[in-house]
Amino acid sequence: MNETLFAIYFPIWFALVIGTWLFFRGRDSAFKKRWYRRVSAFNVTVIVGMIVLMAIPMSLPFAILGAAMLPLMWIPIYRTRVCLACGKVCQPENLITPQKFCSKCGAGLD
C-alpha cells in the first residue's frame, strides 16, 4: 500500500466534507438544485479515485472492485432531490425510488 496516499486520504476526505458544507451553507434552493449533483459527483470521483490509487500496488482485484462500486455510489446522486420550497436535500427512499415529497415541509419534489 502506498503510505503517502493513505496519509493524505483522510485530510482530502475531510477537506471535501468541510468544503461541501461551506459551499451549500446558506444558499438558496435553486443554487443547491443546480450544483448538488456536480459537487457530489466530484466528491465521489475523488474518494473512489483515492481508494483505487491506494489499492493498485496491493492487489488489482481490489482496485477493480472499487471501480465497480462507482455506479452504486452514482445512483443515489441522481435520485437525490432538492426541495425548492425549503432547500432541504432529500435522499432517496431506497436505491431506485426517489422521494416524492419533502420530509421537512411536505412540498412536492420534481
PDB file of N, CA and C in Angstrom:
ATOM      1  N   MET A   1       0.844  -1.178   0.000  1.00  0.00           N
ATOM      2  CA  MET A   1       0.000   0.000   0.000  1.00  0.00           C
ATOM      3  C   MET A   1       0.888   1.240   0.000  1.00  0.00           C
ATOM      4  N   ASN A   2       0.477   2.209  -0.735  1.00  0.00           N
ATOM      5  CA  ASN A   2       1.223   3.447  -0.809  1.00  0.00           C
ATOM      6  C   ASN A   2       0.894   4.277   0.439  1.00  0.00           C
ATOM      7  N   GLU A   3       1.853   4.378   1.348  1.00  0.00           N
ATOM      8  CA  GLU A   3       1.618   5.056   2.623  1.00  0.00           C
ATOM      9  C   GLU A   3       1.380   6.548   2.452  1.00  0.00           C
ATOM     10  N   THR A   4       1.985   7.131   1.412  1.00  0.00           N
ATOM     11  CA  THR A   4       1.778   8.557   1.179  1.00  0.00           C
ATOM     12  C   THR A   4       0.328   8.837   0.811  1.00  0.00           C
ATOM     13  N   LEU A   5      -0.234   8.031  -0.082  1.00  0.00           N
ATOM     14  CA  LEU A   5      -1.633   8.217  -0.446  1.00  0.00           C
ATOM     15  C   LEU A   5      -2.549   7.951   0.742  1.00  0.00           C
ATOM     16  N   PHE A   6      -2.224   6.929   1.542  1.00  0.00           N
ATOM     17  CA  PHE A   6      -3.034   6.621   2.712  1.00  0.00           C
ATOM     18  C   PHE A   6      -2.997   7.778   3.703  1.00  0.00           C
ATOM     19  N   ALA A   7      -1.842   8.413   3.846  1.00  0.00           N
ATOM     20  CA  ALA A   7      -1.708   9.518   4.793  1.00  0.00           C
ATOM     21  C   ALA A   7      -2.483  10.754   4.348  1.00  0.00           C
ATOM     22  N   ILE A   8      -2.653  10.945   3.042  1.00  0.00           N
ATOM     23  CA  ILE A   8      -3.380  12.132   2.597  1.00  0.00           C
ATOM     24  C   ILE A   8      -4.850  11.849   2.281  1.00  0.00           C
ATOM     25  N   TYR A   9      -5.274  10.580   2.330  1.00  0.00           N
ATOM     26  CA  TYR A   9      -6.669  10.243   2.027  1.00  0.00           C
ATOM     27  C   TYR A   9      -7.631  10.929   2.991  1.00  0.00           C
ATOM     28  N   PHE A  10      -7.411  10.802   4.276  1.00  0.00           N
ATOM     29  CA  PHE A  10      -8.340  11.363   5.258  1.00  0.00           C
ATOM     30  C   PHE A  10      -8.331  12.888   5.276  1.00  0.00           C
ATOM     31  N   PRO A  11      -7.184  13.545   5.140  1.00  0.00           N
ATOM     32  CA  PRO A  11      -7.261  15.015   5.017  1.00  0.00           C
ATOM     33  C   PRO A  11      -8.015  15.467   3.764  1.00  0.00           C
ATOM     34  N   ILE A  12      -7.870  14.755   2.649  1.00  0.00           N
ATOM     35  CA  ILE A  12      -8.616  15.102   1.447  1.00  0.00           C
ATOM     36  C   ILE A  12     -10.105  14.880   1.681  1.00  0.00           C
ATOM     37  N   TRP A  13     -10.466  13.751   2.300  1.00  0.00           N
ATOM     38  CA  TRP A  13     -11.861  13.461   2.596  1.00  0.00           C
ATOM     39  C   TRP A  13     -12.437  14.537   3.517  1.00  0.00           C
ATOM     40  N   PHE A  14     -11.705  14.920   4.543  1.00  0.00           N
ATOM     41  CA  PHE A  14     -12.147  15.954   5.477  1.00  0.00           C
ATOM     42  C   PHE A  14     -12.309  17.293   4.762  1.00  0.00           C
ATOM     43  N   ALA A  15     -11.389  17.630   3.865  1.00  0.00           N
ATOM     44  CA  ALA A  15     -11.489  18.881   3.109  1.00  0.00           C
ATOM     45  C   ALA A  15     -12.720  18.869   2.198  1.00  0.00           C
ATOM     46  N   LEU A  16     -13.035  17.717   1.612  1.00  0.00           N
ATOM     47  CA  LEU A  16     -14.238  17.619   0.783  1.00  0.00           C
ATOM     48  C   LEU A  16     -15.499  17.831   1.609  1.00  0.00           C
ATOM     49  N   VAL A  17     -15.538  17.254   2.795  1.00  0.00           N
ATOM     50  CA  VAL A  17     -16.718  17.392   3.661  1.00  0.00           C
ATOM     51  C   VAL A  17     -16.909  18.850   4.074  1.00  0.00           C
ATOM     52  N   ILE A  18     -15.855  19.466   4.577  1.00  0.00           N
ATOM     53  CA  ILE A  18     -15.950  20.858   5.030  1.00  0.00           C
ATOM     54  C   ILE A  18     -16.216  21.790   3.848  1.00  0.00           C
ATOM     55  N   GLY A  19     -15.542  21.544   2.726  1.00  0.00           N
ATOM     56  CA  GLY A  19     -15.746  22.379   1.545  1.00  0.00           C
ATOM     57  C   GLY A  19     -17.161  22.298   1.018  1.00  0.00           C
ATOM     58  N   THR A  20     -17.721  21.093   0.977  1.00  0.00           N
ATOM     59  CA  THR A  20     -19.096  20.935   0.508  1.00  0.00           C
ATOM     60  C   THR A  20     -20.077  21.604   1.461  1.00  0.00           C
ATOM     61  N   TRP A  21     -19.854  21.451   2.748  1.00  0.00           N
ATOM     62  CA  TRP A  21     -20.724  22.080   3.732  1.00  0.00           C
ATOM     63  C   TRP A  21     -20.694  23.604   3.587  1.00  0.00           C
ATOM     64  N   LEU A  22     -19.504  24.170   3.445  1.00  0.00           N
ATOM     65  CA  LEU A  22     -19.389  25.620   3.282  1.00  0.00           C
ATOM     66  C   LEU A  22     -19.983  26.091   1.956  1.00  0.00           C
ATOM     67  N   PHE A  23     -19.846  25.276   0.923  1.00  0.00           N
ATOM     68  CA  PHE A  23     -20.349  25.643  -0.396  1.00  0.00           C
ATOM     69  C   PHE A  23     -21.868  25.753  -0.407  1.00  0.00           C
ATOM     70  N   PHE A  24     -22.553  24.847   0.280  1.00  0.00           N
ATOM     71  CA  PHE A  24     -24.015  24.834   0.272  1.00  0.00           C
ATOM     72  C   PHE A  24     -24.646  25.586   1.433  1.00  0.00           C
ATOM     73  N   ARG A  25     -23.886  25.964   2.418  1.00  0.00           N
ATOM     74  CA  ARG A  25     -24.434  26.621   3.605  1.00  0.00           C
ATOM     75  C   ARG A  25     -25.026  27.977   3.238  1.00  0.00           C
ATOM     76  N   GLY A  26     -26.265  28.167   3.588  1.00  0.00           N
ATOM     77  CA  GLY A  26     -26.913  29.452   3.409  1.00  0.00           C
ATOM     78  C   GLY A  26     -27.259  29.793   1.973  1.00  0.00           C
ATOM     79  N   ARG A  27     -27.213  28.841   1.070  1.00  0.00           N
ATOM     80  CA  ARG A  27     -27.532  29.120  -0.327  1.00  0.00           C
ATOM     81  C   ARG A  27     -29.013  28.892  -0.579  1.00  0.00           C
ATOM     82  N   ASP A  28     -29.527  29.524  -1.607  1.00  0.00           N
ATOM     83  CA  ASP A  28     -30.929  29.328  -1.949  1.00  0.00           C
ATOM     84  C   ASP A  28     -31.125  27.956  -2.601  1.00  0.00           C
ATOM     85  N   SER A  29     -32.382  27.530  -2.669  1.00  0.00           N
ATOM     86  CA  SER A  29     -32.688  26.183  -3.139  1.00  0.00           C
ATOM     87  C   SER A  29     -32.372  26.004  -4.625  1.00  0.00           C
ATOM     88  N   ALA A  30     -32.521  27.042  -5.429  1.00  0.00           N
ATOM     89  CA  ALA A  30     -32.197  26.919  -6.859  1.00  0.00           C
ATOM     90  C   ALA A  30     -30.700  26.682  -7.047  1.00  0.00           C
ATOM     91  N   PHE A  31     -29.873  27.336  -6.250  1.00  0.00           N
ATOM     92  CA  PHE A  31     -28.421  27.122  -6.317  1.00  0.00           C
ATOM     93  C   PHE A  31     -28.074  25.691  -5.926  1.00  0.00           C
ATOM     94  N   LYS A  32     -28.681  25.207  -4.843  1.00  0.00           N
ATOM     95  CA  LYS A  32     -28.430  23.831  -4.408  1.00  0.00           C
ATOM     96  C   LYS A  32     -28.857  22.836  -5.474  1.00  0.00           C
ATOM     97  N   LYS A  33     -30.023  23.065  -6.072  1.00  0.00           N
ATOM     98  CA  LYS A  33     -30.516  22.141  -7.090  1.00  0.00           C
ATOM     99  C   LYS A  33     -29.583  22.112  -8.295  1.00  0.00           C
ATOM    100  N   ARG A  34     -29.065  23.257  -8.681  1.00  0.00           N
ATOM    101  CA  ARG A  34     -28.191  23.336  -9.842  1.00  0.00           C
ATOM    102  C   ARG A  34     -26.827  22.697  -9.581  1.00  0.00           C
ATOM    103  N   TRP A  35     -26.271  22.837  -8.388  1.00  0.00           N
ATOM    104  CA  TRP A  35     -24.902  22.403  -8.114  1.00  0.00           C
ATOM    105  C   TRP A  35     -24.769  21.114  -7.330  1.00  0.00           C
ATOM    106  N   TYR A  36     -25.847  20.598  -6.725  1.00  0.00           N
ATOM    107  CA  TYR A  36     -25.727  19.429  -5.852  1.00  0.00           C
ATOM    108  C   TYR A  36     -25.129  18.226  -6.576  1.00  0.00           C
ATOM    109  N   ARG A  37     -25.637  17.882  -7.734  1.00  0.00           N
ATOM    110  CA  ARG A  37     -25.155  16.695  -8.448  1.00  0.00           C
ATOM    111  C   ARG A  37     -23.705  16.840  -8.869  1.00  0.00           C
ATOM    112  N   ARG A  38     -23.333  18.009  -9.331  1.00  0.00           N
ATOM    113  CA  ARG A  38     -21.945  18.218  -9.775  1.00  0.00           C
ATOM    114  C   ARG A  38     -20.964  18.085  -8.619  1.00  0.00           C
ATOM    115  N   VAL A  39     -21.286  18.710  -7.501  1.00  0.00           N
ATOM    116  CA  VAL A  39     -20.397  18.655  -6.339  1.00  0.00           C
ATOM    117  C   VAL A  39     -20.337  17.232  -5.781  1.00  0.00           C
ATOM    118  N   SER A  40     -21.473  16.554  -5.700  1.00  0.00           N
ATOM    119  CA  SER A  40     -21.497  15.176  -5.199  1.00  0.00           C
ATOM    120  C   SER A  40     -20.717  14.237  -6.123  1.00  0.00           C
ATOM    121  N   ALA A  41     -20.884  14.397  -7.429  1.00  0.00           N
ATOM    122  CA  ALA A  41     -20.149  13.564  -8.385  1.00  0.00           C
ATOM    123  C   ALA A  41     -18.652  13.799  -8.264  1.00  0.00           C
ATOM    124  N   PHE A  42     -18.240  15.030  -8.074  1.00  0.00           N
ATOM    125  CA  PHE A  42     -16.820  15.337  -7.877  1.00  0.00           C
ATOM    126  C   PHE A  42     -16.297  14.672  -6.609  1.00  0.00           C
ATOM    127  N   ASN A  43     -17.059  14.773  -5.520  1.00  0.00           N
ATOM    128  CA  ASN A  43     -16.640  14.164  -4.255  1.00  0.00           C
ATOM    129  C   ASN A  43     -16.495  12.654  -4.383  1.00  0.00           C
ATOM    130  N   VAL A  44     -17.470  11.992  -4.994  1.00  0.00           N
ATOM    131  CA  VAL A  44     -17.414  10.537  -5.170  1.00  0.00           C
ATOM    132  C   VAL A  44     -16.223  10.151  -6.044  1.00  0.00           C
ATOM    133  N   THR A  45     -16.004  10.895  -7.113  1.00  0.00           N
ATOM    134  CA  THR A  45     -14.897  10.595  -8.009  1.00  0.00           C
ATOM    135  C   THR A  45     -13.558  10.721  -7.302  1.00  0.00           C
ATOM    136  N   VAL A  46     -13.387  11.752  -6.505  1.00  0.00           N
ATOM    137  CA  VAL A  46     -12.124  11.939  -5.782  1.00  0.00           C
ATOM    138  C   VAL A  46     -11.912  10.819  -4.768  1.00  0.00           C
ATOM    139  N   ILE A  47     -12.932  10.476  -3.993  1.00  0.00           N
ATOM    140  CA  ILE A  47     -12.783   9.449  -2.963  1.00  0.00           C
ATOM    141  C   ILE A  47     -12.530   8.081  -3.580  1.00  0.00           C
ATOM    142  N   VAL A  48     -13.309   7.694  -4.591  1.00  0.00           N
ATOM    143  CA  VAL A  48     -13.091   6.401  -5.241  1.00  0.00           C
ATOM    144  C   VAL A  48     -11.743   6.375  -5.940  1.00  0.00           C
ATOM    145  N   GLY A  49     -11.354   7.479  -6.548  1.00  0.00           N
ATOM    146  CA  GLY A  49     -10.037   7.551  -7.182  1.00  0.00           C
ATOM    147  C   GLY A  49      -8.905   7.344  -6.192  1.00  0.00           C
ATOM    148  N   MET A  50      -9.032   7.929  -5.019  1.00  0.00           N
ATOM    149  CA  MET A  50      -8.001   7.733  -3.990  1.00  0.00           C
ATOM    150  C   MET A  50      -7.967   6.273  -3.522  1.00  0.00           C
ATOM    151  N   ILE A  51      -9.117   5.647  -3.354  1.00  0.00           N
ATOM    152  CA  ILE A  51      -9.161   4.244  -2.939  1.00  0.00           C
ATOM    153  C   ILE A  51      -8.524   3.354  -3.996  1.00  0.00           C
ATOM    154  N   VAL A  52      -8.838   3.618  -5.263  1.00  0.00           N
ATOM    155  CA  VAL A  52      -8.253   2.823  -6.346  1.00  0.00           C
ATOM    156  C   VAL A  52      -6.747   3.033  -6.405  1.00  0.00           C
ATOM    157  N   LEU A  53      -6.277   4.260  -6.271  1.00  0.00           N
ATOM    158  CA  LEU A  53      -4.834   4.524  -6.301  1.00  0.00           C
ATOM    159  C   LEU A  53      -4.108   3.847  -5.137  1.00  0.00           C
ATOM    160  N   MET A  54      -4.753   3.795  -3.968  1.00  0.00           N
ATOM    161  CA  MET A  54      -4.120   3.128  -2.829  1.00  0.00           C
ATOM    162  C   MET A  54      -4.094   1.622  -3.009  1.00  0.00           C
ATOM    163  N   ALA A  55      -5.066   1.060  -3.720  1.00  0.00           N
ATOM    164  CA  ALA A  55      -5.183  -0.393  -3.819  1.00  0.00           C
ATOM    165  C   ALA A  55      -4.405  -0.996  -4.977  1.00  0.00           C
ATOM    166  N   ILE A  56      -4.072  -0.223  -6.001  1.00  0.00           N
ATOM    167  CA  ILE A  56      -3.409  -0.784  -7.182  1.00  0.00           C
ATOM    168  C   ILE A  56      -2.097  -1.487  -6.848  1.00  0.00           C
ATOM    169  N   PRO A  57      -1.205  -0.911  -6.048  1.00  0.00           N
ATOM    170  CA  PRO A  57       0.030  -1.649  -5.761  1.00  0.00           C
ATOM    171  C   PRO A  57      -0.218  -2.919  -4.940  1.00  0.00           C
ATOM    172  N   MET A  58      -1.276  -2.928  -4.138  1.00  0.00           N
ATOM    173  CA  MET A  58      -1.528  -4.070  -3.259  1.00  0.00           C
ATOM    174  C   MET A  58      -2.174  -5.222  -4.018  1.00  0.00           C
ATOM    175  N   SER A  59      -3.268  -4.947  -4.700  1.00  0.00           N
ATOM    176  CA  SER A  59      -3.914  -6.001  -5.465  1.00  0.00           C
ATOM    177  C   SER A  59      -4.860  -5.389  -6.482  1.00  0.00           C
ATOM    178  N   LEU A  60      -4.729  -5.838  -7.693  1.00  0.00           N
ATOM    179  CA  LEU A  60      -5.565  -5.323  -8.767  1.00  0.00           C
ATOM    180  C   LEU A  60      -7.046  -5.671  -8.593  1.00  0.00           C
ATOM    181  N   PRO A  61      -7.405  -6.860  -8.090  1.00  0.00           N
ATOM    182  CA  PRO A  61      -8.845  -7.139  -7.907  1.00  0.00           C
ATOM    183  C   PRO A  61      -9.543  -6.161  -6.960  1.00  0.00           C
ATOM    184  N   PHE A  62      -8.850  -5.699  -5.934  1.00  0.00           N
ATOM    185  CA  PHE A  62      -9.456  -4.732  -5.027  1.00  0.00           C
ATOM    186  C   PHE A  62      -9.705  -3.415  -5.752  1.00  0.00           C
ATOM    187  N   ALA A  63      -8.788  -3.015  -6.610  1.00  0.00           N
ATOM    188  CA  ALA A  63      -8.966  -1.787  -7.385  1.00  0.00           C
ATOM    189  C   ALA A  63     -10.140  -1.926  -8.349  1.00  0.00           C
ATOM    190  N   ILE A  64     -10.279  -3.091  -8.957  1.00  0.00           N
ATOM    191  CA  ILE A  64     -11.399  -3.324  -9.866  1.00  0.00           C
ATOM    192  C   ILE A  64     -12.710  -3.302  -9.091  1.00  0.00           C
ATOM    193  N   LEU A  65     -12.726  -3.867  -7.903  1.00  0.00           N
ATOM    194  CA  LEU A  65     -13.926  -3.831  -7.063  1.00  0.00           C
ATOM    195  C   LEU A  65     -14.283  -2.396  -6.702  1.00  0.00           C
ATOM    196  N   GLY A  66     -13.288  -1.590  -6.376  1.00  0.00           N
ATOM    197  CA  GLY A  66     -13.547  -0.183  -6.066  1.00  0.00           C
ATOM    198  C   GLY A  66     -14.125   0.571  -7.245  1.00  0.00           C
ATOM    199  N   ALA A  67     -13.602   0.289  -8.442  1.00  0.00           N
ATOM    200  CA  ALA A  67     -14.130   0.938  -9.640  1.00  0.00           C
ATOM    201  C   ALA A  67     -15.531   0.429  -9.968  1.00  0.00           C
ATOM    202  N   ALA A  68     -15.807  -0.843  -9.680  1.00  0.00           N
ATOM    203  CA  ALA A  68     -17.132  -1.403  -9.943  1.00  0.00           C
ATOM    204  C   ALA A  68     -18.176  -0.835  -8.985  1.00  0.00           C
ATOM    205  N   MET A  69     -17.760  -0.373  -7.820  1.00  0.00           N
ATOM    206  CA  MET A  69     -18.704   0.206  -6.862  1.00  0.00           C
ATOM    207  C   MET A  69     -19.089   1.629  -7.221  1.00  0.00           C
ATOM    208  N   LEU A  70     -18.366   2.238  -8.151  1.00  0.00           N
ATOM    209  CA  LEU A  70     -18.667   3.612  -8.543  1.00  0.00           C
ATOM    210  C   LEU A  70     -20.110   3.790  -9.013  1.00  0.00           C
ATOM    211  N   PRO A  71     -20.669   2.901  -9.855  1.00  0.00           N
ATOM    212  CA  PRO A  71     -22.089   3.089 -10.224  1.00  0.00           C
ATOM    213  C   PRO A  71     -23.036   2.988  -9.031  1.00  0.00           C
ATOM    214  N   LEU A  72     -22.709   2.170  -8.050  1.00  0.00           N
ATOM    215  CA  LEU A  72     -23.570   2.072  -6.864  1.00  0.00           C
ATOM    216  C   LEU A  72     -23.537   3.356  -6.041  1.00  0.00           C
ATOM    217  N   MET A  73     -22.459   4.094  -6.126  1.00  0.00           N
ATOM    218  CA  MET A  73     -22.392   5.386  -5.447  1.00  0.00           C
ATOM    219  C   MET A  73     -23.019   6.476  -6.310  1.00  0.00           C
ATOM    220  N   TRP A  74     -23.010   6.275  -7.613  1.00  0.00           N
ATOM    221  CA  TRP A  74     -23.511   7.267  -8.551  1.00  0.00           C
ATOM    222  C   TRP A  74     -25.042   7.317  -8.564  1.00  0.00           C
ATOM    223  N   ILE A  75     -25.703   6.179  -8.402  1.00  0.00           N
ATOM    224  CA  ILE A  75     -27.170   6.114  -8.485  1.00  0.00           C
ATOM    225  C   ILE A  75     -27.838   7.039  -7.460  1.00  0.00           C
ATOM    226  N   PRO A  76     -27.454   7.033  -6.178  1.00  0.00           N
ATOM    227  CA  PRO A  76     -28.117   7.943  -5.239  1.00  0.00           C
ATOM    228  C   PRO A  76     -27.932   9.418  -5.573  1.00  0.00           C
ATOM    229  N   ILE A  77     -26.834   9.759  -6.247  1.00  0.00           N
ATOM    230  CA  ILE A  77     -26.634  11.158  -6.624  1.00  0.00           C
ATOM    231  C   ILE A  77     -27.743  11.606  -7.562  1.00  0.00           C
ATOM    232  N   TYR A  78     -28.097  10.766  -8.501  1.00  0.00           N
ATOM    233  CA  TYR A  78     -29.125  11.136  -9.465  1.00  0.00           C
ATOM    234  C   TYR A  78     -30.536  10.892  -8.957  1.00  0.00           C
ATOM    235  N   ARG A  79     -30.702  10.242  -7.836  1.00  0.00           N
ATOM    236  CA  ARG A  79     -32.027  10.045  -7.249  1.00  0.00           C
ATOM    237  C   ARG A  79     -32.299  11.041  -6.121  1.00  0.00           C
ATOM    238  N   THR A  80     -31.317  11.804  -5.716  1.00  0.00           N
ATOM    239  CA  THR A  80     -31.487  12.794  -4.666  1.00  0.00           C
ATOM    240  C   THR A  80     -32.164  14.028  -5.244  1.00  0.00           C
ATOM    241  N   ARG A  81     -33.120  14.563  -4.511  1.00  0.00           N
ATOM    242  CA  ARG A  81     -33.864  15.738  -4.950  1.00  0.00           C
ATOM    243  C   ARG A  81     -33.646  16.877  -3.960  1.00  0.00           C
ATOM    244  N   VAL A  82     -33.725  18.101  -4.464  1.00  0.00           N
ATOM    245  CA  VAL A  82     -33.628  19.293  -3.631  1.00  0.00           C
ATOM    246  C   VAL A  82     -34.994  19.963  -3.635  1.00  0.00           C
ATOM    247  N   CYS A  83     -35.520  20.209  -2.450  1.00  0.00           N
ATOM    248  CA  CYS A  83     -36.824  20.857  -2.313  1.00  0.00           C
ATOM    249  C   CYS A  83     -36.669  22.339  -2.641  1.00  0.00           C
ATOM    250  N   LEU A  84     -37.447  22.811  -3.611  1.00  0.00           N
ATOM    251  CA  LEU A  84     -37.374  24.228  -3.990  1.00  0.00           C
ATOM    252  C   LEU A  84     -38.081  25.126  -2.982  1.00  0.00           C
ATOM    253  N   ALA A  85     -38.955  24.557  -2.148  1.00  0.00           N
ATOM    254  CA  ALA A  85     -39.676  25.355  -1.162  1.00  0.00           C
ATOM    255  C   ALA A  85     -38.801  25.699   0.044  1.00  0.00           C
ATOM    256  N   CYS A  86     -38.067  24.702   0.562  1.00  0.00           N
ATOM    257  CA  CYS A  86     -37.292  24.951   1.780  1.00  0.00           C
ATOM    258  C   CYS A  86     -35.792  24.754   1.609  1.00  0.00           C
ATOM    259  N   GLY A  87     -35.346  24.143   0.504  1.00  0.00           N
ATOM    260  CA  GLY A  87     -33.919  23.959   0.254  1.00  0.00           C
ATOM    261  C   GLY A  87     -33.328  22.705   0.845  1.00  0.00           C
ATOM    262  N   LYS A  88     -34.146  21.820   1.422  1.00  0.00           N
ATOM    263  CA  LYS A  88     -33.626  20.588   2.017  1.00  0.00           C
ATOM    264  C   LYS A  88     -33.225  19.598   0.922  1.00  0.00           C
ATOM    265  N   VAL A  89     -32.106  18.919   1.133  1.00  0.00           N
ATOM    266  CA  VAL A  89     -31.666  17.866   0.227  1.00  0.00           C
ATOM    267  C   VAL A  89     -32.311  16.574   0.694  1.00  0.00           C
ATOM    268  N   CYS A  90     -33.185  15.993  -0.137  1.00  0.00           N
ATOM    269  CA  CYS A  90     -33.957  14.809   0.227  1.00  0.00           C
ATOM    270  C   CYS A  90     -33.332  13.577  -0.415  1.00  0.00           C
ATOM    271  N   GLN A  91     -32.803  12.695   0.413  1.00  0.00           N
ATOM    272  CA  GLN A  91     -32.175  11.468  -0.055  1.00  0.00           C
ATOM    273  C   GLN A  91     -33.238  10.488  -0.531  1.00  0.00           C
ATOM    274  N   PRO A  92     -32.883   9.558  -1.435  1.00  0.00           N
ATOM    275  CA  PRO A  92     -33.872   8.588  -1.927  1.00  0.00           C
ATOM    276  C   PRO A  92     -34.334   7.633  -0.831  1.00  0.00           C
ATOM    277  N   GLU A  93     -35.576   7.152  -0.985  1.00  0.00           N
ATOM    278  CA  GLU A  93     -36.132   6.201  -0.023  1.00  0.00           C
ATOM    279  C   GLU A  93     -35.386   4.878  -0.068  1.00  0.00           C
ATOM    280  N   ASN A  94     -35.051   4.428  -1.268  1.00  0.00           N
ATOM    281  CA  ASN A  94     -34.213   3.253  -1.451  1.00  0.00           C
ATOM    282  C   ASN A  94     -33.313   3.528  -2.656  1.00  0.00           C
ATOM    283  N   LEU A  95     -32.620   2.549  -3.147  1.00  0.00           N
ATOM    284  CA  LEU A  95     -31.648   2.776  -4.205  1.00  0.00           C
ATOM    285  C   LEU A  95     -32.278   3.258  -5.505  1.00  0.00           C
ATOM    286  N   ILE A  96     -33.523   2.886  -5.762  1.00  0.00           N
ATOM    287  CA  ILE A  96     -34.141   3.176  -7.052  1.00  0.00           C
ATOM    288  C   ILE A  96     -35.194   4.271  -6.976  1.00  0.00           C
ATOM    289  N   THR A  97     -35.950   4.352  -5.883  1.00  0.00           N
ATOM    290  CA  THR A  97     -37.097   5.252  -5.794  1.00  0.00           C
ATOM    291  C   THR A  97     -36.737   6.569  -5.116  1.00  0.00           C
ATOM    292  N   PRO A  98     -36.803   7.677  -5.859  1.00  0.00           N
ATOM    293  CA  PRO A  98     -36.567   8.973  -5.207  1.00  0.00           C
ATOM    294  C   PRO A  98     -37.791   9.392  -4.389  1.00  0.00           C
ATOM    295  N   GLN A  99     -37.571  10.280  -3.433  1.00  0.00           N
ATOM    296  CA  GLN A  99     -38.695  10.775  -2.637  1.00  0.00           C
ATOM    297  C   GLN A  99     -39.608  11.624  -3.506  1.00  0.00           C
ATOM    298  N   LYS A 100     -40.889  11.554  -3.218  1.00  0.00           N
ATOM    299  CA  LYS A 100     -41.873  12.335  -3.976  1.00  0.00           C
ATOM    300  C   LYS A 100     -42.240  13.626  -3.251  1.00  0.00           C
ATOM    301  N   PHE A 101     -42.082  13.629  -1.915  1.00  0.00           N
ATOM    302  CA  PHE A 101     -42.420  14.807  -1.113  1.00  0.00           C
ATOM    303  C   PHE A 101     -41.277  15.101  -0.156  1.00  0.00           C
ATOM    304  N   CYS A 102     -41.115  16.370   0.159  1.00  0.00           N
ATOM    305  CA  CYS A 102     -40.066  16.809   1.092  1.00  0.00           C
ATOM    306  C   CYS A 102     -40.405  16.327   2.502  1.00  0.00           C
ATOM    307  N   SER A 103     -39.425  15.777   3.190  1.00  0.00           N
ATOM    308  CA  SER A 103     -39.660  15.289   4.553  1.00  0.00           C
ATOM    309  C   SER A 103     -39.706  16.432   5.563  1.00  0.00           C
ATOM    310  N   LYS A 104     -39.251  17.616   5.186  1.00  0.00           N
ATOM    311  CA  LYS A 104     -39.250  18.741   6.111  1.00  0.00           C
ATOM    312  C   LYS A 104     -40.517  19.579   5.998  1.00  0.00           C
ATOM    313  N   CYS A 105     -40.881  19.965   4.751  1.00  0.00           N
ATOM    314  CA  CYS A 105     -42.037  20.863   4.588  1.00  0.00           C
ATOM    315  C   CYS A 105     -43.220  20.216   3.883  1.00  0.00           C
ATOM    316  N   GLY A 106     -43.043  19.029   3.288  1.00  0.00           N
ATOM    317  CA  GLY A 106     -44.131  18.332   2.648  1.00  0.00           C
ATOM    318  C   GLY A 106     -44.421  18.755   1.210  1.00  0.00           C
ATOM    319  N   ALA A 107     -43.618  19.649   0.664  1.00  0.00           N
ATOM    320  CA  ALA A 107     -43.834  20.102  -0.716  1.00  0.00           C
ATOM    321  C   ALA A 107     -43.474  18.993  -1.697  1.00  0.00           C
ATOM    322  N   GLY A 108     -44.098  19.016  -2.852  1.00  0.00           N
ATOM    323  CA  GLY A 108     -43.789  18.018  -3.884  1.00  0.00           C
ATOM    324  C   GLY A 108     -42.418  18.256  -4.491  1.00  0.00           C
ATOM    325  N   LEU A 109     -41.735  17.165  -4.769  1.00  0.00           N
ATOM    326  CA  LEU A 109     -40.409  17.257  -5.397  1.00  0.00           C
ATOM    327  C   LEU A 109     -40.520  16.831  -6.847  1.00  0.00           C
ATOM    328  N   ASP A 110     -39.824  17.536  -7.718  1.00  0.00           N
ATOM    329  CA  ASP A 110     -39.873  17.159  -9.136  1.00  0.00           C
ATOM    330  C   ASP A 110     -38.787  16.170  -9.488  1.00  0.00           C
TER     331      ASP A 110
END
